[in-house]
Amino acid sequence: MKNEQIYTYGDLPVSFRATGRGKALLILHGWGSNGQVMEPLAQQLQSTHRCYLFDLPGFGDSPPPAQPWSVDDYADLIQHFITDREIDKLDLLVHSFGGRIALKLCARPEIQDNIDKVLITGGAGMKPKRSASYYIKKYSAKALKAPFLILPPNLRDKALKKLRQTSLWKSLGSSDYSKLTGVMRHTFVKTVSEYLEPCLPEIPHDVLLLWGRDDQATPLYQARRMEKGIANAALVVIDHAGHYAFLDRPAHFSAIAKAFFDG
């Protein structure tokens, strides 16, 4: 998709692409992804929507922020884009990490009137059910760090840096976390550790939760929790699809999305 543009947010250049004509549709990707992954959806919806596909800061062609960001910081970016572009009415189509941003935005009174319909697929933000292995890794990591915490700050920081480079330490973290460094590692911790159930009752919009039945990253029980918490939400489950349901069942997904946005 051509027409790559830059939106300058403070000192941060944020890459996005725009295609189509009609009502504005903001498309937000998941963690570790980028706007290019969502382009097939934009191509299906561009006949009725002006689609904006972002590379969120730290992903794709957008550089990371100078300091670790929270979900609110990402939501601030999108809110500023909406107001700067004077978009009176728009729809949202969001995946995974983009779902966190959408929940934050939709719960904000100052921007709610600008948002019409919201489609969330594989959306993150709900507190997950944790297995015993998760807690074993968590407390093992704390035990490994404990002896270094009594050291003077300069020695402690050097020791912890070396610890984080060991294969044992990396084996205790998530695959997403272990791949990250610097500001994006801290951003990951800040965003995934915030659970957004308190946002749900504040969301007045029509929300379609379009989920792959085999989603392992954000399992179906999390979608059901969103459906219960959002007054005007409806859940549709796509069989034979996982976390990337729009890639697993593209024609089926696009047909449902079109019916929702255009109906």
Protein backbone atom coordinates (compact mmCIF):
# COMPACT_ATOMS: atom_id res chain seq x y z
CA MET A 1 0.00 0.00 0.00
CA LYS A 2 1.42 3.39 -1.00
CA ASN A 3 0.79 6.85 0.43
CA GLU A 4 2.96 6.51 3.52
CA GLN A 5 2.76 9.63 5.67
CA ILE A 6 4.24 10.95 8.90
CA TYR A 7 2.26 12.36 11.80
CA THR A 8 4.50 14.33 14.14
CA TYR A 9 3.47 13.86 17.75
CA GLY A 10 5.65 16.14 19.84
CA ASP A 11 9.14 15.20 18.64
CA LEU A 12 8.08 11.70 17.60
CA PRO A 13 7.47 10.87 13.91
CA VAL A 14 4.66 8.32 13.61
CA SER A 15 4.28 6.50 10.31
CA PHE A 16 0.83 5.80 8.91
CA ARG A 17 -0.81 4.99 5.60
CA ALA A 18 -4.18 6.14 4.34
CA THR A 19 -6.37 4.63 1.64
CA GLY A 20 -9.97 4.74 0.47
CA ARG A 21 -12.77 7.28 0.69
CA GLY A 22 -15.64 7.76 3.08
CA LYS A 23 -16.02 7.60 6.82
CA ALA A 24 -12.75 7.49 8.76
CA LEU A 25 -11.63 4.07 10.02
CA LEU A 26 -8.61 3.88 12.31
CA ILE A 27 -6.89 0.49 12.21
CA LEU A 28 -4.52 -0.39 15.07
CA HIS A 29 -2.24 -3.43 15.05
CA GLY A 30 -1.07 -5.73 17.83
CA TRP A 31 2.15 -5.94 19.82
CA GLY A 32 5.17 -6.89 17.71
CA SER A 33 3.23 -6.25 14.51
CA ASN A 34 2.72 -3.21 12.26
CA GLY A 35 0.21 -1.58 9.97
CA GLN A 36 1.26 -3.67 6.99
CA VAL A 37 -0.22 -6.79 8.59
CA MET A 38 -3.61 -5.06 8.64
CA GLU A 39 -3.51 -3.90 5.02
CA PRO A 40 -5.71 -6.73 3.65
CA LEU A 41 -8.51 -5.47 5.91
CA ALA A 42 -8.08 -1.92 4.66
CA GLN A 43 -8.27 -3.14 1.07
CA GLN A 44 -11.58 -4.83 1.82
CA LEU A 45 -13.05 -1.77 3.55
CA GLN A 46 -11.62 1.10 1.50
CA SER A 47 -14.68 1.35 -0.76
CA THR A 48 -16.72 2.78 2.12
CA HIS A 49 -14.04 4.05 4.53
CA ARG A 50 -11.00 6.28 4.60
CA CYS A 51 -8.68 3.78 6.31
CA TYR A 52 -5.77 4.94 8.45
CA LEU A 53 -3.21 2.26 9.29
CA PHE A 54 -0.65 3.17 11.94
CA ASP A 55 2.76 1.86 12.78
CA LEU A 56 2.50 2.50 16.50
CA PRO A 57 5.65 3.95 18.13
CA GLY A 58 8.26 1.24 18.49
CA PHE A 59 6.87 -0.86 15.64
CA GLY A 60 7.21 -0.94 11.87
CA ASP A 61 8.59 2.34 10.53
CA SER A 62 7.83 4.35 13.69
CA PRO A 63 10.73 4.79 16.13
CA PRO A 64 10.23 4.02 19.83
CA PRO A 65 9.39 6.84 22.23
CA ALA A 66 12.18 8.44 24.21
CA GLN A 67 10.74 7.15 27.49
CA PRO A 68 8.69 4.00 28.27
CA TRP A 69 5.04 4.49 27.34
CA SER A 70 1.89 3.29 29.05
CA VAL A 71 -1.39 2.37 27.34
CA ASP A 72 -2.59 5.90 28.14
CA ASP A 73 0.36 7.35 26.25
CA TYR A 74 -0.57 5.37 23.13
CA ALA A 75 -4.21 6.42 23.56
CA ASP A 76 -3.08 10.06 23.87
CA LEU A 77 -1.32 9.75 20.52
CA ILE A 78 -4.44 8.46 18.75
CA GLN A 79 -6.67 11.03 20.46
CA HIS A 80 -4.37 13.85 19.33
CA PHE A 81 -4.43 12.50 15.77
CA ILE A 82 -8.24 12.51 15.79
CA THR A 83 -8.48 16.07 17.11
CA ASP A 84 -5.64 17.42 14.95
CA ARG A 85 -7.27 15.99 11.84
CA GLU A 86 -10.66 17.28 13.01
CA ILE A 87 -12.28 13.89 12.47
CA ASP A 88 -15.82 14.29 13.75
CA LYS A 89 -16.92 10.67 13.42
CA LEU A 90 -14.84 7.54 12.98
CA ASP A 91 -14.89 3.78 13.40
CA LEU A 92 -12.18 1.70 15.05
CA LEU A 93 -10.83 -1.70 13.98
CA VAL A 94 -8.21 -2.97 16.41
CA HIS A 95 -6.25 -6.13 17.05
CA SER A 96 -4.59 -7.43 20.23
CA PHE A 97 -2.51 -4.58 21.74
CA GLY A 98 -4.59 -2.16 19.66
CA GLY A 99 -7.54 -3.41 21.71
CA ARG A 100 -5.95 -1.99 24.85
CA ILE A 101 -5.72 1.41 23.19
CA ALA A 102 -9.32 1.22 22.00
CA LEU A 103 -10.65 0.39 25.47
CA LYS A 104 -8.83 3.39 26.90
CA LEU A 105 -10.07 5.72 24.16
CA CYS A 106 -13.67 4.58 24.29
CA ALA A 107 -13.81 5.10 28.06
CA ARG A 108 -12.67 8.74 27.78
CA PRO A 109 -15.64 11.17 27.88
CA GLU A 110 -13.78 13.85 25.92
CA ILE A 111 -13.37 11.68 22.81
CA GLN A 112 -16.39 9.35 23.03
CA ASP A 113 -18.59 11.40 20.72
CA ASN A 114 -16.02 11.15 17.94
CA ILE A 115 -16.12 7.35 17.97
CA ASP A 116 -18.99 5.45 16.36
CA LYS A 117 -18.54 1.70 15.88
CA VAL A 118 -15.72 -0.40 17.31
CA LEU A 119 -14.52 -3.81 16.13
CA ILE A 120 -12.08 -5.58 18.45
CA THR A 121 -10.44 -8.83 17.38
CA GLY A 122 -8.17 -10.78 19.71
CA GLY A 123 -8.16 -7.75 21.99
CA ALA A 124 -5.82 -7.67 24.98
CA GLY A 125 -6.36 -5.95 28.31
CA MET A 126 -8.23 -8.46 30.44
CA LYS A 127 -6.52 -10.06 33.43
CA PRO A 128 -5.42 -13.53 32.28
CA LYS A 129 -5.83 -16.78 34.13
CA ARG A 130 -2.37 -17.84 35.24
CA SER A 131 -1.00 -21.38 35.30
CA ALA A 132 1.17 -22.85 38.03
CA SER A 133 4.20 -22.65 35.71
CA TYR A 134 3.71 -18.88 35.43
CA TYR A 135 3.98 -18.42 39.18
CA ILE A 136 6.97 -20.77 39.38
CA LYS A 137 8.79 -18.61 36.82
CA LYS A 138 7.70 -15.38 38.50
CA TYR A 139 8.96 -16.27 41.95
CA SER A 140 12.08 -17.95 40.57
CA ALA A 141 12.97 -14.67 38.89
CA LYS A 142 12.42 -12.77 42.14
CA ALA A 143 14.65 -15.24 43.99
CA LEU A 144 17.42 -14.79 41.41
CA LYS A 145 17.27 -11.00 41.75
CA ALA A 146 17.09 -10.89 45.55
CA PRO A 147 20.85 -11.25 46.38
CA PHE A 148 21.74 -8.34 44.07
CA LEU A 149 19.25 -5.89 45.58
CA ILE A 150 21.38 -5.35 48.69
CA LEU A 151 24.37 -4.16 46.64
CA PRO A 152 25.22 -0.46 46.21
CA PRO A 153 23.30 1.03 43.24
CA ASN A 154 26.22 1.09 40.79
CA LEU A 155 27.18 -2.54 41.48
CA ARG A 156 23.55 -3.66 41.62
CA ASP A 157 22.74 -2.25 38.19
CA LYS A 158 25.77 -3.90 36.59
CA ALA A 159 25.01 -7.24 38.24
CA LEU A 160 21.36 -7.17 37.21
CA LYS A 161 22.33 -6.30 33.64
CA LYS A 162 24.57 -9.36 33.49
CA LEU A 163 21.85 -11.50 35.08
CA ARG A 164 19.34 -10.46 32.40
CA GLN A 165 21.77 -11.60 29.71
CA THR A 166 21.95 -15.17 31.02
CA SER A 167 20.02 -17.99 29.37
CA LEU A 168 18.50 -18.93 32.75
CA TRP A 169 16.96 -15.47 33.18
CA LYS A 170 15.70 -15.37 29.60
CA SER A 171 14.03 -18.74 30.07
CA LEU A 172 11.93 -17.26 32.89
CA GLY A 173 10.50 -14.42 30.81
CA SER A 174 7.83 -14.39 28.09
CA SER A 175 8.94 -14.75 24.48
CA ASP A 176 7.83 -11.16 23.76
CA TYR A 177 9.77 -9.81 26.74
CA SER A 178 12.97 -11.71 25.95
CA LYS A 179 13.08 -10.28 22.42
CA LEU A 180 12.94 -6.69 23.65
CA THR A 181 15.58 -4.28 24.88
CA GLY A 182 15.71 -0.76 26.26
CA VAL A 183 12.67 1.48 26.22
CA MET A 184 10.39 -1.05 24.48
CA ARG A 185 11.09 -3.69 27.11
CA HIS A 186 9.98 -1.23 29.81
CA THR A 187 7.02 -0.20 27.65
CA PHE A 188 6.00 -3.84 27.38
CA VAL A 189 6.06 -4.24 31.16
CA LYS A 190 4.05 -1.04 31.72
CA THR A 191 1.36 -1.95 29.20
CA VAL A 192 0.82 -5.65 29.86
CA SER A 193 0.70 -5.18 33.63
CA GLU A 194 -2.31 -2.86 33.43
CA TYR A 195 -5.68 -4.62 33.38
CA LEU A 196 -8.52 -2.69 31.81
CA GLU A 197 -11.67 -4.20 33.30
CA PRO A 198 -12.47 -0.81 34.94
CA CYS A 199 -12.81 0.73 31.46
CA LEU A 200 -15.57 -1.61 30.32
CA PRO A 201 -18.60 -0.05 32.11
CA GLU A 202 -17.56 3.38 30.79
CA ILE A 203 -17.83 2.37 27.12
CA PRO A 204 -21.16 3.37 25.47
CA HIS A 205 -20.34 2.39 21.87
CA ASP A 206 -21.56 -0.47 19.72
CA VAL A 207 -18.70 -2.95 19.98
CA LEU A 208 -18.29 -6.11 17.92
CA LEU A 209 -15.92 -8.65 19.45
CA LEU A 210 -14.80 -10.83 16.55
CA TRP A 211 -12.73 -13.71 17.92
CA GLY A 212 -10.96 -16.77 16.65
CA ARG A 213 -12.18 -19.80 18.58
CA ASP A 214 -8.63 -21.15 18.80
CA ASP A 215 -7.03 -17.92 20.01
CA GLN A 216 -4.33 -18.86 22.52
CA ALA A 217 -2.84 -15.38 23.04
CA THR A 218 -6.12 -13.78 24.16
CA PRO A 219 -8.39 -16.76 24.81
CA LEU A 220 -12.12 -16.73 24.28
CA TYR A 221 -12.90 -16.33 27.98
CA GLN A 222 -11.36 -12.85 27.77
CA ALA A 223 -13.72 -11.92 24.94
CA ARG A 224 -16.66 -13.12 27.01
CA ARG A 225 -15.48 -10.93 29.89
CA MET A 226 -15.43 -7.92 27.55
CA GLU A 227 -18.88 -8.78 26.25
CA LYS A 228 -20.26 -8.94 29.77
CA GLY A 229 -18.63 -5.67 30.82
CA ILE A 230 -19.50 -3.49 27.79
CA ALA A 231 -23.20 -2.58 27.63
CA ASN A 232 -23.54 -2.65 23.83
CA ALA A 233 -21.08 -5.40 22.95
CA ALA A 234 -21.73 -8.55 20.95
CA LEU A 235 -19.39 -11.50 20.52
CA VAL A 236 -19.04 -13.41 17.24
CA VAL A 237 -16.72 -16.43 17.20
CA ILE A 238 -14.96 -17.61 14.04
CA ASP A 239 -14.23 -21.34 13.89
CA HIS A 240 -10.88 -22.64 12.64
CA ALA A 241 -9.18 -19.34 13.46
CA GLY A 242 -6.69 -18.22 16.09
CA HIS A 243 -5.29 -14.92 17.33
CA TYR A 244 -4.98 -13.58 13.77
CA ALA A 245 -8.50 -14.49 12.71
CA PHE A 246 -8.42 -11.91 9.89
CA LEU A 247 -5.49 -13.81 8.35
CA ASP A 248 -6.75 -17.31 9.13
CA ARG A 249 -10.24 -16.72 7.67
CA PRO A 250 -9.87 -13.49 5.62
CA ALA A 251 -13.02 -13.71 3.49
CA HIS A 252 -15.20 -14.70 6.43
CA PHE A 253 -13.72 -12.03 8.67
CA SER A 254 -14.06 -9.27 6.06
CA ALA A 255 -17.68 -10.15 5.33
CA ILE A 256 -18.59 -9.82 9.00
CA ALA A 257 -16.61 -6.58 9.37
CA LYS A 258 -18.32 -5.03 6.33
CA ALA A 259 -21.76 -6.00 7.59
CA PHE A 260 -21.01 -4.48 10.99
CA PHE A 261 -19.56 -1.18 9.78
CA ASP A 262 -21.98 -0.65 6.89
CA GLY A 263 -25.14 -2.03 8.47
